[in-house]
C-alpha atoms as a PDB file:
ATOM      1  CA  MET A   1     -59.202 -30.767 -42.857  1.00  0.00           C
ATOM      2  CA  LYS A   2     -62.139 -28.707 -42.620  1.00  0.00           C
ATOM      3  CA  ASN A   3     -61.723 -28.281 -39.120  1.00  0.00           C
ATOM      4  CA  LYS A   4     -58.207 -26.642 -39.464  1.00  0.00           C
ATOM      5  CA  TYR A   5     -59.799 -23.859 -41.648  1.00  0.00           C
ATOM      6  CA  ILE A   6     -62.520 -23.162 -39.132  1.00  0.00           C
ATOM      7  CA  LEU A   7     -59.913 -23.050 -36.445  1.00  0.00           C
ATOM      8  CA  LEU A   8     -58.412 -20.358 -38.752  1.00  0.00           C
ATOM      9  CA  ALA A   9     -61.090 -18.706 -39.571  1.00  0.00           C
ATOM     10  CA  ILE A  10     -62.520 -17.945 -36.249  1.00  0.00           C
ATOM     11  CA  PRO A  11     -59.659 -15.973 -34.647  1.00  0.00           C
ATOM     12  CA  ALA A  12     -59.291 -14.430 -38.188  1.00  0.00           C
ATOM     13  CA  LEU A  13     -62.926 -13.455 -37.918  1.00  0.00           C
ATOM     14  CA  LEU A  14     -62.483 -12.265 -34.297  1.00  0.00           C
ATOM     15  CA  LEU A  15     -59.536 -10.111 -35.145  1.00  0.00           C
ATOM     16  CA  LEU A  16     -61.478  -8.350 -38.018  1.00  0.00           C
ATOM     17  CA  ILE A  17     -64.500  -7.375 -35.646  1.00  0.00           C
ATOM     18  CA  TRP A  18     -62.103  -6.009 -33.047  1.00  0.00           C
ATOM     19  CA  LEU A  19     -60.273  -4.059 -35.697  1.00  0.00           C
ATOM     20  CA  GLY A  20     -63.608  -2.550 -36.944  1.00  0.00           C
ATOM     21  CA  TRP A  21     -64.548  -1.627 -33.317  1.00  0.00           C
ATOM     22  CA  TYR A  22     -60.951  -0.149 -32.588  1.00  0.00           C
ATOM     23  CA  PHE A  23     -60.742   2.036 -35.646  1.00  0.00           C
ATOM     24  CA  SER A  24     -64.424   3.085 -35.516  1.00  0.00           C
ATOM     25  CA  ASP A  25     -65.085   6.811 -35.489  1.00  0.00           C
ATOM     26  CA  LYS A  26     -66.383   6.612 -32.154  1.00  0.00           C
ATOM     27  CA  GLN A  27     -63.553   4.800 -30.536  1.00  0.00           C
ATOM     28  CA  VAL A  28     -61.239   6.957 -32.576  1.00  0.00           C
ATOM     29  CA  ILE A  29     -62.809  10.335 -30.979  1.00  0.00           C
ATOM     30  CA  LYS A  30     -63.083   8.510 -27.498  1.00  0.00           C
ATOM     31  CA  ARG A  31     -59.098   7.970 -27.648  1.00  0.00           C
ATOM     32  CA  GLN A  32     -58.481  11.752 -28.841  1.00  0.00           C
ATOM     33  CA  LEU A  33     -60.456  13.114 -26.252  1.00  0.00           C
ATOM     34  CA  ASN A  34     -58.564  10.980 -23.764  1.00  0.00           C
ATOM     35  CA  GLU A  35     -55.666  12.123 -24.807  1.00  0.00           C
ATOM     36  CA  LEU A  36     -56.746  15.822 -24.901  1.00  0.00           C
ATOM     37  CA  THR A  37     -57.429  15.338 -21.141  1.00  0.00           C
ATOM     38  CA  TRP A  38     -53.872  13.604 -20.526  1.00  0.00           C
ATOM     39  CA  ASN A  39     -52.325  16.727 -22.218  1.00  0.00           C
ATOM     40  CA  LEU A  40     -54.101  19.209 -20.111  1.00  0.00           C
ATOM     41  CA  ASN A  41     -53.003  17.503 -16.989  1.00  0.00           C
ATOM     42  CA  LYS A  42     -50.274  19.147 -15.206  1.00  0.00           C
ATOM     43  CA  GLU A  43     -47.640  17.685 -12.560  1.00  0.00           C
ATOM     44  CA  LYS A  44     -46.368  19.700  -9.670  1.00  0.00           C
ATOM     45  CA  GLU A  45     -42.548  20.173 -10.989  1.00  0.00           C
ATOM     46  CA  GLU A  46     -43.474  19.989 -14.886  1.00  0.00           C
ATOM     47  CA  ALA A  47     -40.489  20.926 -17.069  1.00  0.00           C
ATOM     48  CA  THR A  48     -41.276  23.581 -19.595  1.00  0.00           C
ATOM     49  CA  LEU A  49     -40.389  21.224 -22.507  1.00  0.00           C
ATOM     50  CA  GLU A  50     -42.888  18.718 -21.313  1.00  0.00           C
ATOM     51  CA  THR A  51     -45.744  21.481 -21.171  1.00  0.00           C
ATOM     52  CA  ALA A  52     -44.616  22.621 -24.779  1.00  0.00           C
ATOM     53  CA  LEU A  53     -44.741  19.107 -26.082  1.00  0.00           C
ATOM     54  CA  LYS A  54     -48.460  18.506 -24.392  1.00  0.00           C
ATOM     55  CA  LEU A  55     -49.629  21.886 -25.744  1.00  0.00           C
ATOM     56  CA  ARG A  56     -48.495  20.816 -29.218  1.00  0.00           C
ATOM     57  CA  GLU A  57     -50.355  17.666 -29.167  1.00  0.00           C
ATOM     58  CA  ILE A  58     -53.355  19.689 -28.306  1.00  0.00           C
ATOM     59  CA  LYS A  59     -52.955  22.201 -31.305  1.00  0.00           C
ATOM     60  CA  PHE A  60     -52.746  19.109 -33.181  1.00  0.00           C
ATOM     61  CA  MET A  61     -56.473  18.179 -32.161  1.00  0.00           C
ATOM     62  CA  LEU A  62     -58.040  21.631 -32.776  1.00  0.00           C
ATOM     63  CA  ALA A  63     -59.215  22.886 -35.862  1.00  0.00           C
ATOM     64  CA  PRO A  64     -57.775  26.141 -37.442  1.00  0.00           C
ATOM     65  CA  ASP A  65     -60.852  28.110 -35.652  1.00  0.00           C
ATOM     66  CA  ILE A  66     -62.729  27.200 -32.706  1.00  0.00           C
ATOM     67  CA  ARG A  67     -66.032  28.563 -31.501  1.00  0.00           C
ATOM     68  CA  ALA A  68     -65.666  28.949 -27.488  1.00  0.00           C
ATOM     69  CA  VAL A  69     -69.073  29.174 -25.563  1.00  0.00           C
ATOM     70  CA  VAL A  70     -69.773  29.758 -22.100  1.00  0.00           C
ATOM     71  CA  SER A  71     -73.522  29.931 -21.681  1.00  0.00           C
ATOM     72  CA  GLU A  72     -73.721  31.226 -18.202  1.00  0.00           C
ATOM     73  CA  ARG A  73     -72.001  34.571 -19.378  1.00  0.00           C
ATOM     74  CA  ASN A  74     -73.354  34.889 -22.865  1.00  0.00           C
ATOM     75  CA  TYR A  75     -70.006  34.259 -24.796  1.00  0.00           C
ATOM     76  CA  SER A  76     -69.589  32.981 -27.757  1.00  0.00           C
ATOM     77  CA  GLU A  77     -66.526  33.466 -29.872  1.00  0.00           C
ATOM     78  CA  ILE A  78     -64.612  32.157 -32.778  1.00  0.00           C
ATOM     79  CA  LEU A  79     -60.972  31.795 -31.579  1.00  0.00           C
ATOM     80  CA  PRO A  80     -58.075  31.174 -33.221  1.00  0.00           C
ATOM     81  CA  ARG A  81     -56.299  27.988 -32.634  1.00  0.00           C
ATOM     82  CA  ASP A  82     -52.930  29.621 -31.237  1.00  0.00           C
ATOM     83  CA  MET A  83     -55.082  31.906 -29.104  1.00  0.00           C
ATOM     84  CA  LEU A  84     -56.684  29.239 -27.674  1.00  0.00           C
ATOM     85  CA  ILE A  85     -53.366  27.470 -26.828  1.00  0.00           C
ATOM     86  CA  ARG A  86     -51.898  30.543 -25.294  1.00  0.00           C
ATOM     87  CA  TYR A  87     -55.205  30.747 -23.136  1.00  0.00           C
ATOM     88  CA  LEU A  88     -54.114  27.044 -22.139  1.00  0.00           C
ATOM     89  CA  MET A  89     -50.773  27.905 -21.271  1.00  0.00           C
ATOM     90  CA  TYR A  90     -52.192  30.889 -19.000  1.00  0.00           C
ATOM     91  CA  TYR A  91     -54.542  28.566 -17.246  1.00  0.00           C
ATOM     92  CA  ARG A  92     -52.246  25.844 -16.520  1.00  0.00           C
ATOM     93  CA  ASP A  93     -49.442  28.476 -15.408  1.00  0.00           C
ATOM     94  CA  ARG A  94     -51.917  29.395 -12.292  1.00  0.00           C
ATOM     95  CA  TYR A  95     -52.065  26.092 -10.893  1.00  0.00           C
ATOM     96  CA  GLU A  96     -49.388  24.329  -9.086  1.00  0.00           C
ATOM     97  CA  THR A  97     -51.160  20.817 -10.124  1.00  0.00           C
ATOM     98  CA  LEU A  98     -53.973  20.304 -12.636  1.00  0.00           C
ATOM     99  CA  THR A  99     -55.949  16.746 -13.229  1.00  0.00           C
ATOM    100  CA  VAL A 100     -58.544  16.790 -15.938  1.00  0.00           C
ATOM    101  CA  SER A 101     -60.819  13.821 -16.731  1.00  0.00           C
ATOM    102  CA  PHE A 102     -63.965  13.173 -18.411  1.00  0.00           C
ATOM    103  CA  GLU A 103     -66.909  10.697 -16.968  1.00  0.00           C
ATOM    104  CA  ASN A 104     -69.792   9.693 -18.489  1.00  0.00           C
ATOM    105  CA  LEU A 105     -68.446  10.257 -22.218  1.00  0.00           C
ATOM    106  CA  LEU A 106     -70.961  10.242 -24.756  1.00  0.00           C
ATOM    107  CA  ILE A 107     -70.194  10.359 -28.441  1.00  0.00           C
ATOM    108  CA  GLU A 108     -72.875  10.826 -31.263  1.00  0.00           C
ATOM    109  CA  LEU A 109     -72.470  10.945 -35.183  1.00  0.00           C
ATOM    110  CA  PRO A 110     -75.284  12.982 -36.249  1.00  0.00           C
ATOM    111  CA  ALA A 111     -74.059  13.262 -39.920  1.00  0.00           C
ATOM    112  CA  LYS A 112     -71.017  11.672 -41.570  1.00  0.00           C
ATOM    113  CA  GLY A 113     -67.669  13.691 -40.986  1.00  0.00           C
ATOM    114  CA  GLU A 114     -69.488  15.101 -37.587  1.00  0.00           C
ATOM    115  CA  ALA A 115     -69.212  14.387 -33.924  1.00  0.00           C
ATOM    116  CA  THR A 116     -70.681  15.610 -30.915  1.00  0.00           C
ATOM    117  CA  ALA A 117     -69.305  14.450 -27.415  1.00  0.00           C
ATOM    118  CA  SER A 118     -70.827  15.354 -24.105  1.00  0.00           C
ATOM    119  CA  ALA A 119     -69.476  14.393 -20.936  1.00  0.00           C
ATOM    120  CA  THR A 120     -68.863  15.662 -17.258  1.00  0.00           C
ATOM    121  CA  VAL A 121     -65.518  16.842 -16.869  1.00  0.00           C
ATOM    122  CA  LEU A 122     -63.630  16.290 -13.548  1.00  0.00           C
ATOM    123  CA  VAL A 123     -61.374  18.863 -12.695  1.00  0.00           C
ATOM    124  CA  GLN A 124     -59.000  18.636  -9.828  1.00  0.00           C
ATOM    125  CA  ARG A 125     -56.777  21.802  -9.405  1.00  0.00           C
ATOM    126  CA  LYS A 126     -54.301  23.364  -6.689  1.00  0.00           C
ATOM    127  CA  LYS A 127     -52.961  26.953  -6.620  1.00  0.00           C
ATOM    128  CA  GLN A 128     -49.756  27.237  -4.430  1.00  0.00           C
ATOM    129  CA  GLN A 129     -50.340  26.882  -0.759  1.00  0.00           C
ATOM    130  CA  ASN A 130     -54.253  26.522  -1.196  1.00  0.00           C
ATOM    131  CA  ASP A 131     -56.289  23.231  -0.604  1.00  0.00           C
ATOM    132  CA  LEU A 132     -57.199  21.230  -3.861  1.00  0.00           C
ATOM    133  CA  GLU A 133     -60.210  22.214  -5.628  1.00  0.00           C
ATOM    134  CA  GLU A 134     -62.456  19.732  -7.531  1.00  0.00           C
ATOM    135  CA  LEU A 135     -64.926  20.633  -9.823  1.00  0.00           C
ATOM    136  CA  ARG A 136     -67.582  18.370 -11.983  1.00  0.00           C
ATOM    137  CA  GLU A 137     -68.984  20.368 -14.724  1.00  0.00           C
ATOM    138  CA  PRO A 138     -70.718  19.593 -17.838  1.00  0.00           C
ATOM    139  CA  VAL A 139     -68.936  20.301 -21.292  1.00  0.00           C
ATOM    140  CA  GLU A 140     -69.878  19.490 -24.869  1.00  0.00           C
ATOM    141  CA  PHE A 141     -67.648  19.260 -28.008  1.00  0.00           C
ATOM    142  CA  PHE A 142     -68.476  19.218 -31.629  1.00  0.00           C
ATOM    143  CA  LEU A 143     -65.785  17.631 -33.882  1.00  0.00           C
ATOM    144  CA  LYS A 144     -65.268  17.290 -37.784  1.00  0.00           C
ATOM    145  CA  LYS A 145     -63.264  14.876 -39.643  1.00  0.00           C
ATOM    146  CA  ASP A 146     -60.611  16.305 -41.472  1.00  0.00           C
ATOM    147  CA  LYS A 147     -60.513  14.875 -44.714  1.00  0.00           C
ATOM    148  CA  GLU A 148     -56.677  15.379 -45.487  1.00  0.00           C
ATOM    149  CA  GLN A 149     -55.625  13.756 -42.498  1.00  0.00           C
ATOM    150  CA  LYS A 150     -54.838  10.110 -43.211  1.00  0.00           C
ATOM    151  CA  GLY A 151     -55.025   7.922 -39.767  1.00  0.00           C
ATOM    152  CA  GLY A 152     -53.784   9.218 -36.513  1.00  0.00           C
ATOM    153  CA  ARG A 153     -56.009  12.337 -35.103  1.00  0.00           C
ATOM    154  CA  ASP A 154     -58.897  12.374 -37.970  1.00  0.00           C
ATOM    155  CA  TRP A 155     -60.923  14.578 -35.849  1.00  0.00           C
ATOM    156  CA  ARG A 156     -60.484  18.348 -35.128  1.00  0.00           C
ATOM    157  CA  LEU A 157     -62.348  20.033 -32.385  1.00  0.00           C
ATOM    158  CA  VAL A 158     -64.353  23.007 -33.972  1.00  0.00           C
ATOM    159  CA  GLU A 159     -66.666  24.101 -30.890  1.00  0.00           C
ATOM    160  CA  ALA A 160     -66.321  23.615 -27.093  1.00  0.00           C
ATOM    161  CA  LYS A 161     -69.295  24.606 -24.817  1.00  0.00           C
ATOM    162  CA  VAL A 162     -67.837  24.566 -20.958  1.00  0.00           C
ATOM    163  CA  SER A 163     -69.352  25.988 -17.732  1.00  0.00           C
ATOM    164  CA  ALA A 164     -68.066  29.215 -16.293  1.00  0.00           C
ATOM    165  CA  ALA A 165     -66.558  27.713 -13.305  1.00  0.00           C
ATOM    166  CA  LEU A 166     -64.238  25.905 -15.338  1.00  0.00           C
ATOM    167  CA  VAL A 167     -62.721  29.127 -17.159  1.00  0.00           C
ATOM    168  CA  GLU A 168     -62.181  31.215 -13.929  1.00  0.00           C
END
């Protein structure tokens, strides 16, 4: 009889450990940032509705005001979320295809409700009748936990530090 309880307890314990890891802040942030890159990607013949849906998903990940920092240009400005979405629309429209992914994503939790993420972003972009251009540049994000949001996208991007090559 004891063996049956042990056989039931071990999978239950493993499930609890896995759920604790899966729903940990670092894993939630990692999934959100990977979703961000997926939504930034652009296919060659992407429909307008698909673009709108992708940018709507990105909008949900952003704080109402985001600090944008481009160190090489001594640029630092707080932008409203809608302005940043318009910029992303313009940026995506300049390219026939756009692929974005993170390499070496490192997430730190310096304080309760705060997170920093740093990575190398790999951007492959192609303008019409041009060759594919590939960039590898560092990026840093500062995120804050949205205390009012329950489940799902708990973290909001409040600051982004990017290199000048990524915004050209």
